[in-house]
Amino acid sequence: MSHEAERPILQQIHDLVAEEHTLRSAHTGIGLNSDERTRLEAIERELDRCWDLLRHRRAEEEFGQA
């Protein structure tokens, strides 16, 4: 997978991490409300999905399956 092909996935990861950090840092010491916890869980699931997709694509390229 070329660096250019990875760019959308990496950008999505970057955006999700930034949102996660903003959410966590805005509530340090006071905790998250129910909606915020739900959003944080969704961010974490989406980050896992993005990283899995990126690793899968890189493995396909490495082993000549792309």
PDB file of N, CA and C in Angstrom:
ATOM      1  N   MET A   1       0.854  -1.162   0.000  1.00  0.00           N
ATOM      2  CA  MET A   1       0.000   0.000   0.000  1.00  0.00           C
ATOM      3  C   MET A   1       0.901   1.226   0.000  1.00  0.00           C
ATOM      4  N   SER A   2       0.665   2.101  -0.901  1.00  0.00           N
ATOM      5  CA  SER A   2       1.477   3.307  -0.969  1.00  0.00           C
ATOM      6  C   SER A   2       1.100   4.256   0.161  1.00  0.00           C
ATOM      7  N   HIS A   3       2.047   5.126   0.455  1.00  0.00           N
ATOM      8  CA  HIS A   3       1.788   6.123   1.500  1.00  0.00           C
ATOM      9  C   HIS A   3       0.544   6.937   1.156  1.00  0.00           C
ATOM     10  N   GLU A   4       0.377   7.227  -0.110  1.00  0.00           N
ATOM     11  CA  GLU A   4      -0.779   8.009  -0.568  1.00  0.00           C
ATOM     12  C   GLU A   4      -2.084   7.256  -0.301  1.00  0.00           C
ATOM     13  N   ALA A   5      -2.079   5.956  -0.493  1.00  0.00           N
ATOM     14  CA  ALA A   5      -3.280   5.151  -0.263  1.00  0.00           C
ATOM     15  C   ALA A   5      -3.606   5.051   1.223  1.00  0.00           C
ATOM     16  N   GLU A   6      -2.590   5.163   2.078  1.00  0.00           N
ATOM     17  CA  GLU A   6      -2.795   5.098   3.523  1.00  0.00           C
ATOM     18  C   GLU A   6      -3.315   6.408   4.099  1.00  0.00           C
ATOM     19  N   ARG A   7      -3.128   7.473   3.372  1.00  0.00           N
ATOM     20  CA  ARG A   7      -3.433   8.808   3.895  1.00  0.00           C
ATOM     21  C   ARG A   7      -4.842   8.949   4.469  1.00  0.00           C
ATOM     22  N   PRO A   8      -5.906   8.495   3.804  1.00  0.00           N
ATOM     23  CA  PRO A   8      -7.247   8.666   4.389  1.00  0.00           C
ATOM     24  C   PRO A   8      -7.411   7.928   5.726  1.00  0.00           C
ATOM     25  N   ILE A   9      -6.858   6.745   5.815  1.00  0.00           N
ATOM     26  CA  ILE A   9      -6.963   5.980   7.063  1.00  0.00           C
ATOM     27  C   ILE A   9      -6.170   6.682   8.164  1.00  0.00           C
ATOM     28  N   LEU A  10      -4.957   7.105   7.834  1.00  0.00           N
ATOM     29  CA  LEU A  10      -4.117   7.790   8.823  1.00  0.00           C
ATOM     30  C   LEU A  10      -4.754   9.108   9.265  1.00  0.00           C
ATOM     31  N   GLN A  11      -5.397   9.815   8.349  1.00  0.00           N
ATOM     32  CA  GLN A  11      -6.065  11.065   8.700  1.00  0.00           C
ATOM     33  C   GLN A  11      -7.242  10.790   9.631  1.00  0.00           C
ATOM     34  N   GLN A  12      -7.983   9.735   9.354  1.00  0.00           N
ATOM     35  CA  GLN A  12      -9.101   9.387  10.221  1.00  0.00           C
ATOM     36  C   GLN A  12      -8.598   9.022  11.620  1.00  0.00           C
ATOM     37  N   ILE A  13      -7.511   8.267  11.685  1.00  0.00           N
ATOM     38  CA  ILE A  13      -6.914   7.920  12.978  1.00  0.00           C
ATOM     39  C   ILE A  13      -6.504   9.192  13.706  1.00  0.00           C
ATOM     40  N   HIS A  14      -5.836  10.084  13.012  1.00  0.00           N
ATOM     41  CA  HIS A  14      -5.399  11.345  13.607  1.00  0.00           C
ATOM     42  C   HIS A  14      -6.593  12.127  14.155  1.00  0.00           C
ATOM     43  N   ASP A  15      -7.654  12.242  13.380  1.00  0.00           N
ATOM     44  CA  ASP A  15      -8.838  12.987  13.798  1.00  0.00           C
ATOM     45  C   ASP A  15      -9.501  12.355  15.021  1.00  0.00           C
ATOM     46  N   LEU A  16      -9.598  11.033  15.019  1.00  0.00           N
ATOM     47  CA  LEU A  16     -10.217  10.341  16.150  1.00  0.00           C
ATOM     48  C   LEU A  16      -9.379  10.482  17.414  1.00  0.00           C
ATOM     49  N   VAL A  17      -8.065  10.376  17.279  1.00  0.00           N
ATOM     50  CA  VAL A  17      -7.185  10.533  18.442  1.00  0.00           C
ATOM     51  C   VAL A  17      -7.302  11.954  18.998  1.00  0.00           C
ATOM     52  N   ALA A  18      -7.357  12.937  18.117  1.00  0.00           N
ATOM     53  CA  ALA A  18      -7.502  14.324  18.570  1.00  0.00           C
ATOM     54  C   ALA A  18      -8.821  14.504  19.321  1.00  0.00           C
ATOM     55  N   GLU A  19      -9.899  13.930  18.803  1.00  0.00           N
ATOM     56  CA  GLU A  19     -11.187  14.029  19.482  1.00  0.00           C
ATOM     57  C   GLU A  19     -11.157  13.315  20.833  1.00  0.00           C
ATOM     58  N   GLU A  20     -10.509  12.154  20.861  1.00  0.00           N
ATOM     59  CA  GLU A  20     -10.387  11.399  22.110  1.00  0.00           C
ATOM     60  C   GLU A  20      -9.630  12.216  23.160  1.00  0.00           C
ATOM     61  N   HIS A  21      -8.518  12.818  22.766  1.00  0.00           N
ATOM     62  CA  HIS A  21      -7.724  13.620  23.696  1.00  0.00           C
ATOM     63  C   HIS A  21      -8.509  14.834  24.188  1.00  0.00           C
ATOM     64  N   THR A  22      -9.219  15.479  23.288  1.00  0.00           N
ATOM     65  CA  THR A  22     -10.026  16.642  23.666  1.00  0.00           C
ATOM     66  C   THR A  22     -11.094  16.248  24.679  1.00  0.00           C
ATOM     67  N   LEU A  23     -11.769  15.152  24.398  1.00  0.00           N
ATOM     68  CA  LEU A  23     -12.824  14.675  25.288  1.00  0.00           C
ATOM     69  C   LEU A  23     -12.268  14.322  26.661  1.00  0.00           C
ATOM     70  N   ARG A  24     -11.167  13.591  26.674  1.00  0.00           N
ATOM     71  CA  ARG A  24     -10.570  13.183  27.957  1.00  0.00           C
ATOM     72  C   ARG A  24     -10.021  14.383  28.740  1.00  0.00           C
ATOM     73  N   SER A  25      -9.319  15.282  28.075  1.00  0.00           N
ATOM     74  CA  SER A  25      -8.679  16.392  28.784  1.00  0.00           C
ATOM     75  C   SER A  25      -9.690  17.420  29.273  1.00  0.00           C
ATOM     76  N   ALA A  26     -10.805  17.558  28.596  1.00  0.00           N
ATOM     77  CA  ALA A  26     -11.819  18.527  29.003  1.00  0.00           C
ATOM     78  C   ALA A  26     -12.524  18.094  30.284  1.00  0.00           C
ATOM     79  N   HIS A  27     -12.396  16.817  30.625  1.00  0.00           N
ATOM     80  CA  HIS A  27     -13.139  16.296  31.773  1.00  0.00           C
ATOM     81  C   HIS A  27     -12.232  15.666  32.827  1.00  0.00           C
ATOM     82  N   THR A  28     -10.975  16.048  32.815  1.00  0.00           N
ATOM     83  CA  THR A  28     -10.033  15.524  33.799  1.00  0.00           C
ATOM     84  C   THR A  28     -10.500  15.901  35.204  1.00  0.00           C
ATOM     85  N   GLY A  29     -10.607  14.907  36.039  1.00  0.00           N
ATOM     86  CA  GLY A  29     -10.995  15.140  37.419  1.00  0.00           C
ATOM     87  C   GLY A  29     -12.491  15.170  37.675  1.00  0.00           C
ATOM     88  N   ILE A  30     -13.305  15.322  36.611  1.00  0.00           N
ATOM     89  CA  ILE A  30     -14.751  15.375  36.824  1.00  0.00           C
ATOM     90  C   ILE A  30     -15.487  14.205  36.166  1.00  0.00           C
ATOM     91  N   GLY A  31     -14.817  13.515  35.290  1.00  0.00           N
ATOM     92  CA  GLY A  31     -15.435  12.370  34.626  1.00  0.00           C
ATOM     93  C   GLY A  31     -16.316  12.772  33.455  1.00  0.00           C
ATOM     94  N   LEU A  32     -16.701  11.782  32.715  1.00  0.00           N
ATOM     95  CA  LEU A  32     -17.524  11.991  31.527  1.00  0.00           C
ATOM     96  C   LEU A  32     -18.987  11.701  31.845  1.00  0.00           C
ATOM     97  N   ASN A  33     -19.876  12.424  31.179  1.00  0.00           N
ATOM     98  CA  ASN A  33     -21.287  12.091  31.336  1.00  0.00           C
ATOM     99  C   ASN A  33     -21.623  10.907  30.420  1.00  0.00           C
ATOM    100  N   SER A  34     -22.831  10.458  30.449  1.00  0.00           N
ATOM    101  CA  SER A  34     -23.246   9.263  29.711  1.00  0.00           C
ATOM    102  C   SER A  34     -23.022   9.407  28.205  1.00  0.00           C
ATOM    103  N   ASP A  35     -23.404  10.541  27.637  1.00  0.00           N
ATOM    104  CA  ASP A  35     -23.227  10.759  26.200  1.00  0.00           C
ATOM    105  C   ASP A  35     -21.747  10.779  25.824  1.00  0.00           C
ATOM    106  N   GLU A  36     -20.943  11.391  26.671  1.00  0.00           N
ATOM    107  CA  GLU A  36     -19.507  11.471  26.411  1.00  0.00           C
ATOM    108  C   GLU A  36     -18.853  10.091  26.502  1.00  0.00           C
ATOM    109  N   ARG A  37     -19.268   9.300  27.474  1.00  0.00           N
ATOM    110  CA  ARG A  37     -18.739   7.927  27.583  1.00  0.00           C
ATOM    111  C   ARG A  37     -19.129   7.104  26.355  1.00  0.00           C
ATOM    112  N   THR A  38     -20.356   7.280  25.905  1.00  0.00           N
ATOM    113  CA  THR A  38     -20.814   6.572  24.709  1.00  0.00           C
ATOM    114  C   THR A  38     -19.983   6.985  23.507  1.00  0.00           C
ATOM    115  N   ARG A  39     -19.722   8.276  23.364  1.00  0.00           N
ATOM    116  CA  ARG A  39     -18.905   8.761  22.244  1.00  0.00           C
ATOM    117  C   ARG A  39     -17.481   8.242  22.349  1.00  0.00           C
ATOM    118  N   LEU A  40     -16.913   8.249  23.549  1.00  0.00           N
ATOM    119  CA  LEU A  40     -15.561   7.752  23.746  1.00  0.00           C
ATOM    120  C   LEU A  40     -15.470   6.267  23.363  1.00  0.00           C
ATOM    121  N   GLU A  41     -16.451   5.493  23.744  1.00  0.00           N
ATOM    122  CA  GLU A  41     -16.475   4.077  23.374  1.00  0.00           C
ATOM    123  C   GLU A  41     -16.553   3.911  21.863  1.00  0.00           C
ATOM    124  N   ALA A  42     -17.347   4.750  21.197  1.00  0.00           N
ATOM    125  CA  ALA A  42     -17.450   4.695  19.736  1.00  0.00           C
ATOM    126  C   ALA A  42     -16.120   5.065  19.087  1.00  0.00           C
ATOM    127  N   ILE A  43     -15.448   6.073  19.631  1.00  0.00           N
ATOM    128  CA  ILE A  43     -14.131   6.477  19.116  1.00  0.00           C
ATOM    129  C   ILE A  43     -13.150   5.325  19.251  1.00  0.00           C
ATOM    130  N   GLU A  44     -13.132   4.691  20.418  1.00  0.00           N
ATOM    131  CA  GLU A  44     -12.213   3.580  20.641  1.00  0.00           C
ATOM    132  C   GLU A  44     -12.483   2.427  19.681  1.00  0.00           C
ATOM    133  N   ARG A  45     -13.750   2.109  19.438  1.00  0.00           N
ATOM    134  CA  ARG A  45     -14.082   1.042  18.478  1.00  0.00           C
ATOM    135  C   ARG A  45     -13.630   1.420  17.068  1.00  0.00           C
ATOM    136  N   GLU A  46     -13.855   2.658  16.697  1.00  0.00           N
ATOM    137  CA  GLU A  46     -13.477   3.110  15.358  1.00  0.00           C
ATOM    138  C   GLU A  46     -11.957   3.134  15.202  1.00  0.00           C
ATOM    139  N   LEU A  47     -11.243   3.538  16.231  1.00  0.00           N
ATOM    140  CA  LEU A  47      -9.776   3.504  16.178  1.00  0.00           C
ATOM    141  C   LEU A  47      -9.277   2.069  16.007  1.00  0.00           C
ATOM    142  N   ASP A  48      -9.844   1.148  16.751  1.00  0.00           N
ATOM    143  CA  ASP A  48      -9.464  -0.261  16.601  1.00  0.00           C
ATOM    144  C   ASP A  48      -9.715  -0.734  15.179  1.00  0.00           C
ATOM    145  N   ARG A  49     -10.863  -0.357  14.620  1.00  0.00           N
ATOM    146  CA  ARG A  49     -11.204  -0.756  13.253  1.00  0.00           C
ATOM    147  C   ARG A  49     -10.207  -0.170  12.252  1.00  0.00           C
ATOM    148  N   CYS A  50      -9.866   1.095  12.424  1.00  0.00           N
ATOM    149  CA  CYS A  50      -8.932   1.749  11.500  1.00  0.00           C
ATOM    150  C   CYS A  50      -7.547   1.111  11.573  1.00  0.00           C
ATOM    151  N   TRP A  51      -7.050   0.880  12.794  1.00  0.00           N
ATOM    152  CA  TRP A  51      -5.729   0.261  12.937  1.00  0.00           C
ATOM    153  C   TRP A  51      -5.731  -1.148  12.355  1.00  0.00           C
ATOM    154  N   ASP A  52      -6.800  -1.903  12.583  1.00  0.00           N
ATOM    155  CA  ASP A  52      -6.886  -3.257  12.012  1.00  0.00           C
ATOM    156  C   ASP A  52      -6.869  -3.206  10.489  1.00  0.00           C
ATOM    157  N   LEU A  53      -7.622  -2.276   9.926  1.00  0.00           N
ATOM    158  CA  LEU A  53      -7.663  -2.125   8.470  1.00  0.00           C
ATOM    159  C   LEU A  53      -6.284  -1.779   7.926  1.00  0.00           C
ATOM    160  N   LEU A  54      -5.603  -0.856   8.569  1.00  0.00           N
ATOM    161  CA  LEU A  54      -4.275  -0.447   8.123  1.00  0.00           C
ATOM    162  C   LEU A  54      -3.287  -1.619   8.204  1.00  0.00           C
ATOM    163  N   ARG A  55      -3.296  -2.347   9.322  1.00  0.00           N
ATOM    164  CA  ARG A  55      -2.410  -3.506   9.459  1.00  0.00           C
ATOM    165  C   ARG A  55      -2.727  -4.572   8.420  1.00  0.00           C
ATOM    166  N   HIS A  56      -3.999  -4.797   8.167  1.00  0.00           N
ATOM    167  CA  HIS A  56      -4.415  -5.799   7.177  1.00  0.00           C
ATOM    168  C   HIS A  56      -3.913  -5.418   5.787  1.00  0.00           C
ATOM    169  N   ARG A  57      -4.102  -4.172   5.420  1.00  0.00           N
ATOM    170  CA  ARG A  57      -3.657  -3.715   4.096  1.00  0.00           C
ATOM    171  C   ARG A  57      -2.135  -3.784   3.962  1.00  0.00           C
ATOM    172  N   ARG A  58      -1.423  -3.416   5.014  1.00  0.00           N
ATOM    173  CA  ARG A  58       0.035  -3.480   4.965  1.00  0.00           C
ATOM    174  C   ARG A  58       0.510  -4.925   4.860  1.00  0.00           C
ATOM    175  N   ALA A  59      -0.151  -5.824   5.570  1.00  0.00           N
ATOM    176  CA  ALA A  59       0.222  -7.240   5.496  1.00  0.00           C
ATOM    177  C   ALA A  59      -0.047  -7.801   4.093  1.00  0.00           C
ATOM    178  N   GLU A  60      -1.162  -7.424   3.493  1.00  0.00           N
ATOM    179  CA  GLU A  60      -1.461  -7.878   2.137  1.00  0.00           C
ATOM    180  C   GLU A  60      -0.371  -7.425   1.175  1.00  0.00           C
ATOM    181  N   GLU A  61       0.038  -6.183   1.310  1.00  0.00           N
ATOM    182  CA  GLU A  61       1.079  -5.657   0.430  1.00  0.00           C
ATOM    183  C   GLU A  61       2.393  -6.367   0.683  1.00  0.00           C
ATOM    184  N   GLU A  62       2.742  -6.560   1.936  1.00  0.00           N
ATOM    185  CA  GLU A  62       4.006  -7.190   2.296  1.00  0.00           C
ATOM    186  C   GLU A  62       4.103  -8.609   1.757  1.00  0.00           C
ATOM    187  N   PHE A  63       2.986  -9.318   1.795  1.00  0.00           N
ATOM    188  CA  PHE A  63       2.998 -10.715   1.375  1.00  0.00           C
ATOM    189  C   PHE A  63       2.455 -10.918  -0.035  1.00  0.00           C
ATOM    190  N   GLY A  64       2.379  -9.825  -0.794  1.00  0.00           N
ATOM    191  CA  GLY A  64       2.035  -9.904  -2.206  1.00  0.00           C
ATOM    192  C   GLY A  64       0.605 -10.266  -2.529  1.00  0.00           C
ATOM    193  N   GLN A  65      -0.310  -9.941  -1.619  1.00  0.00           N
ATOM    194  CA  GLN A  65      -1.694 -10.263  -1.862  1.00  0.00           C
ATOM    195  C   GLN A  65      -2.505  -9.058  -2.318  1.00  0.00           C
ATOM    196  N   ALA A  66      -1.879  -7.912  -2.427  1.00  0.00           N
ATOM    197  CA  ALA A  66      -2.608  -6.697  -2.797  1.00  0.00           C
ATOM    198  C   ALA A  66      -2.662  -6.570  -4.304  1.00  0.00           C
TER     199      ALA A  66
END
